[in-house]
């Protein structure tokens, strides 16, 4: 079993467009347009982020799991609503 990541993820800035997440020496923008479930979150909820593995982030207060790759390249992970797809 792989070990836990020893570094912590940190929210460094929040704006009306999204928030910036620092992962070691990489800072990523998490835009609300691509990640709408964060739009109504409080600063406390956004800041409570866990980084259990190199490509996995978890916000326990929001029950949101994300792959780091989906933040780096949101177009590769399109959101599709079953309701809009007619199912």
N, C-alpha and C. Protein backbone atom coordinates (compact mmCIF):
# COMPACT_ATOMS: atom_id res chain seq x y z
N UNK A 1 0.84 -1.17 0.00
CA UNK A 1 0.00 0.00 0.00
C UNK A 1 0.89 1.24 0.00
N UNK A 2 0.58 2.23 -0.87
CA UNK A 2 1.42 3.42 -0.92
C UNK A 2 1.29 4.23 0.37
N UNK A 3 2.35 4.96 0.70
CA UNK A 3 2.33 5.81 1.88
C UNK A 3 1.51 7.06 1.65
N UNK A 4 1.24 7.78 2.73
CA UNK A 4 0.49 9.02 2.64
C UNK A 4 1.38 10.16 2.20
N UNK A 5 0.79 11.13 1.51
CA UNK A 5 1.50 12.33 1.13
C UNK A 5 1.78 13.13 2.40
N UNK A 6 3.02 13.60 2.55
CA UNK A 6 3.36 14.32 3.76
C UNK A 6 3.10 15.82 3.62
N UNK A 7 3.00 16.32 2.41
CA UNK A 7 2.71 17.73 2.19
C UNK A 7 1.21 17.97 2.33
N UNK A 8 0.88 19.19 2.65
CA UNK A 8 -0.53 19.55 2.77
C UNK A 8 -0.95 20.40 1.58
N UNK A 9 -2.17 20.23 1.16
CA UNK A 9 -2.74 21.11 0.15
C UNK A 9 -3.20 22.36 0.89
N UNK A 10 -3.08 23.52 0.23
CA UNK A 10 -3.45 24.78 0.88
C UNK A 10 -4.18 25.68 -0.11
N UNK A 11 -5.32 26.22 0.31
CA UNK A 11 -6.02 27.22 -0.48
C UNK A 11 -5.34 28.55 -0.21
N UNK A 12 -4.85 29.19 -1.28
CA UNK A 12 -4.07 30.42 -1.10
C UNK A 12 -4.85 31.68 -1.44
N UNK A 13 -5.92 31.56 -2.21
CA UNK A 13 -6.68 32.74 -2.63
C UNK A 13 -8.05 32.29 -3.10
N UNK A 14 -9.06 33.11 -2.81
CA UNK A 14 -10.42 32.84 -3.29
C UNK A 14 -10.94 34.11 -3.93
N UNK A 15 -11.56 33.99 -5.09
CA UNK A 15 -12.19 35.12 -5.76
C UNK A 15 -13.57 34.68 -6.25
N UNK A 16 -14.28 35.58 -6.89
CA UNK A 16 -15.60 35.21 -7.41
C UNK A 16 -15.50 34.25 -8.59
N UNK A 17 -14.29 34.08 -9.14
CA UNK A 17 -14.08 33.20 -10.29
C UNK A 17 -13.65 31.79 -9.89
N UNK A 18 -13.08 31.64 -8.70
CA UNK A 18 -12.59 30.34 -8.28
C UNK A 18 -11.63 30.49 -7.12
N UNK A 19 -10.86 29.44 -6.90
CA UNK A 19 -9.85 29.51 -5.84
C UNK A 19 -8.57 28.85 -6.30
N UNK A 20 -7.48 29.26 -5.67
CA UNK A 20 -6.16 28.74 -6.01
C UNK A 20 -5.73 27.77 -4.93
N UNK A 21 -5.21 26.66 -5.39
CA UNK A 21 -4.82 25.56 -4.51
C UNK A 21 -3.33 25.31 -4.69
N UNK A 22 -2.59 25.35 -3.59
CA UNK A 22 -1.15 25.11 -3.63
C UNK A 22 -0.89 23.65 -3.25
N UNK A 23 -0.23 22.94 -4.17
CA UNK A 23 0.17 21.55 -3.96
C UNK A 23 1.68 21.48 -4.11
N UNK A 24 2.38 21.40 -3.01
CA UNK A 24 3.85 21.52 -3.00
C UNK A 24 4.24 22.83 -3.66
N UNK A 25 4.92 22.78 -4.80
CA UNK A 25 5.35 24.01 -5.47
C UNK A 25 4.49 24.34 -6.69
N UNK A 26 3.35 23.69 -6.84
CA UNK A 26 2.44 23.93 -7.97
C UNK A 26 1.16 24.60 -7.46
N UNK A 27 0.81 25.72 -8.07
CA UNK A 27 -0.44 26.40 -7.70
C UNK A 27 -1.43 26.24 -8.85
N UNK A 28 -2.61 25.73 -8.53
CA UNK A 28 -3.63 25.45 -9.54
C UNK A 28 -4.87 26.28 -9.29
N UNK A 29 -5.45 26.82 -10.35
CA UNK A 29 -6.72 27.51 -10.27
C UNK A 29 -7.84 26.47 -10.38
N UNK A 30 -8.78 26.55 -9.46
CA UNK A 30 -9.97 25.71 -9.49
C UNK A 30 -11.14 26.64 -9.81
N UNK A 31 -11.46 26.81 -11.11
CA UNK A 31 -12.51 27.76 -11.49
C UNK A 31 -13.91 27.22 -11.18
N UNK A 32 -14.76 28.09 -10.63
CA UNK A 32 -16.12 27.69 -10.29
C UNK A 32 -16.91 27.28 -11.53
N UNK A 33 -16.58 27.82 -12.68
CA UNK A 33 -17.30 27.45 -13.90
C UNK A 33 -17.12 25.97 -14.22
N UNK A 34 -15.91 25.45 -14.03
CA UNK A 34 -15.65 24.03 -14.30
C UNK A 34 -15.94 23.15 -13.08
N UNK A 35 -15.94 23.72 -11.88
CA UNK A 35 -16.15 22.96 -10.65
C UNK A 35 -17.24 23.64 -9.83
N UNK A 36 -18.49 23.59 -10.31
CA UNK A 36 -19.58 24.38 -9.71
C UNK A 36 -19.95 23.99 -8.29
N UNK A 37 -19.65 22.79 -7.84
CA UNK A 37 -20.02 22.39 -6.49
C UNK A 37 -19.25 23.17 -5.42
N UNK A 38 -18.20 23.90 -5.81
CA UNK A 38 -17.46 24.73 -4.86
C UNK A 38 -18.01 26.16 -4.77
N UNK A 39 -18.85 26.56 -5.70
CA UNK A 39 -19.31 27.95 -5.81
C UNK A 39 -19.94 28.48 -4.52
N UNK A 40 -20.76 27.71 -3.84
CA UNK A 40 -21.46 28.16 -2.64
C UNK A 40 -20.74 27.77 -1.35
N UNK A 41 -19.57 27.17 -1.47
CA UNK A 41 -18.82 26.72 -0.29
C UNK A 41 -18.25 27.91 0.48
N UNK A 42 -18.14 27.73 1.77
CA UNK A 42 -17.51 28.75 2.61
C UNK A 42 -15.99 28.62 2.52
N UNK A 43 -15.29 29.64 2.99
CA UNK A 43 -13.82 29.58 3.04
C UNK A 43 -13.39 28.39 3.91
N UNK A 44 -14.07 28.19 5.01
CA UNK A 44 -13.74 27.07 5.90
C UNK A 44 -13.88 25.74 5.16
N UNK A 45 -14.96 25.57 4.40
CA UNK A 45 -15.18 24.32 3.66
C UNK A 45 -14.12 24.13 2.57
N UNK A 46 -13.78 25.21 1.85
CA UNK A 46 -12.76 25.12 0.81
C UNK A 46 -11.40 24.79 1.39
N UNK A 47 -11.10 25.39 2.53
CA UNK A 47 -9.78 25.22 3.15
C UNK A 47 -9.59 23.87 3.80
N UNK A 48 -10.67 23.18 4.08
CA UNK A 48 -10.59 21.85 4.68
C UNK A 48 -10.41 20.82 3.57
N UNK A 49 -9.20 20.79 3.03
CA UNK A 49 -8.90 19.88 1.91
C UNK A 49 -7.82 18.90 2.34
N UNK A 50 -8.01 17.66 1.98
CA UNK A 50 -7.04 16.60 2.27
C UNK A 50 -6.41 16.14 0.96
N UNK A 51 -5.15 15.74 1.05
CA UNK A 51 -4.39 15.29 -0.13
C UNK A 51 -3.80 13.93 0.19
N UNK A 52 -4.65 12.89 0.19
CA UNK A 52 -4.20 11.57 0.64
C UNK A 52 -3.20 10.87 -0.29
N UNK A 53 -3.28 11.14 -1.59
CA UNK A 53 -2.32 10.57 -2.54
C UNK A 53 -1.96 11.64 -3.56
N UNK A 54 -0.94 11.39 -4.35
CA UNK A 54 -0.43 12.39 -5.29
C UNK A 54 -1.49 12.91 -6.26
N UNK A 55 -2.46 12.08 -6.64
CA UNK A 55 -3.47 12.52 -7.61
C UNK A 55 -4.88 12.52 -7.03
N UNK A 56 -5.02 12.63 -5.72
CA UNK A 56 -6.35 12.59 -5.12
C UNK A 56 -6.49 13.69 -4.07
N UNK A 57 -7.55 14.48 -4.21
CA UNK A 57 -7.90 15.51 -3.23
C UNK A 57 -9.29 15.22 -2.70
N UNK A 58 -9.51 15.56 -1.44
CA UNK A 58 -10.81 15.31 -0.82
C UNK A 58 -11.18 16.46 0.10
N UNK A 59 -12.40 16.97 -0.06
CA UNK A 59 -12.98 18.01 0.79
C UNK A 59 -14.05 17.34 1.64
N UNK A 60 -13.73 16.94 2.88
CA UNK A 60 -14.68 16.18 3.70
C UNK A 60 -15.96 16.95 4.03
N UNK A 61 -15.88 18.25 4.26
CA UNK A 61 -17.09 19.01 4.59
C UNK A 61 -18.05 19.12 3.42
N UNK A 62 -17.52 18.96 2.20
CA UNK A 62 -18.34 19.05 0.99
C UNK A 62 -18.60 17.68 0.37
N UNK A 63 -17.91 16.65 0.86
CA UNK A 63 -17.95 15.31 0.30
C UNK A 63 -17.63 15.32 -1.19
N UNK A 64 -16.53 16.02 -1.53
CA UNK A 64 -16.07 16.13 -2.91
C UNK A 64 -14.70 15.47 -3.03
N UNK A 65 -14.58 14.56 -3.99
CA UNK A 65 -13.31 13.93 -4.35
C UNK A 65 -12.94 14.41 -5.74
N UNK A 66 -11.68 14.75 -5.94
CA UNK A 66 -11.21 15.16 -7.26
C UNK A 66 -9.84 14.56 -7.54
N UNK A 67 -9.63 14.23 -8.79
CA UNK A 67 -8.29 13.88 -9.25
C UNK A 67 -7.56 15.19 -9.55
N UNK A 68 -6.31 15.29 -9.14
CA UNK A 68 -5.52 16.48 -9.42
C UNK A 68 -5.47 16.71 -10.94
N UNK A 69 -5.41 15.65 -11.70
CA UNK A 69 -5.38 15.76 -13.17
C UNK A 69 -6.61 16.49 -13.71
N UNK A 70 -7.75 16.36 -13.04
CA UNK A 70 -8.97 17.04 -13.52
C UNK A 70 -8.89 18.54 -13.29
N UNK A 71 -8.10 18.97 -12.33
CA UNK A 71 -7.90 20.42 -12.13
C UNK A 71 -6.89 20.94 -13.14
N UNK A 72 -5.86 20.17 -13.40
CA UNK A 72 -4.85 20.59 -14.38
C UNK A 72 -5.44 20.69 -15.78
N UNK A 73 -6.37 19.80 -16.12
CA UNK A 73 -6.94 19.76 -17.47
C UNK A 73 -8.43 19.44 -17.40
N UNK A 74 -9.26 20.43 -17.00
CA UNK A 74 -10.69 20.16 -16.85
C UNK A 74 -11.37 19.69 -18.14
N UNK A 75 -10.87 20.09 -19.28
CA UNK A 75 -11.47 19.69 -20.56
C UNK A 75 -11.38 18.17 -20.78
N UNK A 76 -10.41 17.54 -20.17
CA UNK A 76 -10.25 16.09 -20.32
C UNK A 76 -11.23 15.32 -19.43
N UNK A 77 -11.92 16.05 -18.54
CA UNK A 77 -12.87 15.44 -17.61
C UNK A 77 -14.19 16.22 -17.65
N UNK A 78 -14.90 16.17 -18.77
CA UNK A 78 -16.12 16.98 -18.89
C UNK A 78 -17.21 16.52 -17.91
N UNK A 79 -17.91 17.51 -17.36
CA UNK A 79 -19.05 17.22 -16.50
C UNK A 79 -20.26 16.97 -17.38
N UNK A 80 -20.94 15.88 -17.16
CA UNK A 80 -22.14 15.56 -17.94
C UNK A 80 -23.25 15.24 -16.96
N UNK A 81 -24.32 16.00 -17.05
CA UNK A 81 -25.46 15.76 -16.18
C UNK A 81 -26.37 14.72 -16.81
N UNK A 82 -26.72 13.68 -16.04
CA UNK A 82 -27.65 12.67 -16.55
C UNK A 82 -29.00 13.29 -16.84
N UNK A 83 -29.40 14.27 -16.04
CA UNK A 83 -30.68 14.92 -16.22
C UNK A 83 -30.72 15.66 -17.58
N UNK A 84 -29.63 16.35 -17.92
CA UNK A 84 -29.58 17.05 -19.19
C UNK A 84 -29.42 16.09 -20.36
N UNK A 85 -28.85 14.93 -20.12
CA UNK A 85 -28.67 13.94 -21.19
C UNK A 85 -29.95 13.18 -21.47
N UNK A 86 -31.00 13.41 -20.65
CA UNK A 86 -32.28 12.77 -20.90
C UNK A 86 -32.46 11.44 -20.22
N UNK A 87 -31.59 11.08 -19.27
CA UNK A 87 -31.75 9.80 -18.56
C UNK A 87 -32.22 10.02 -17.16
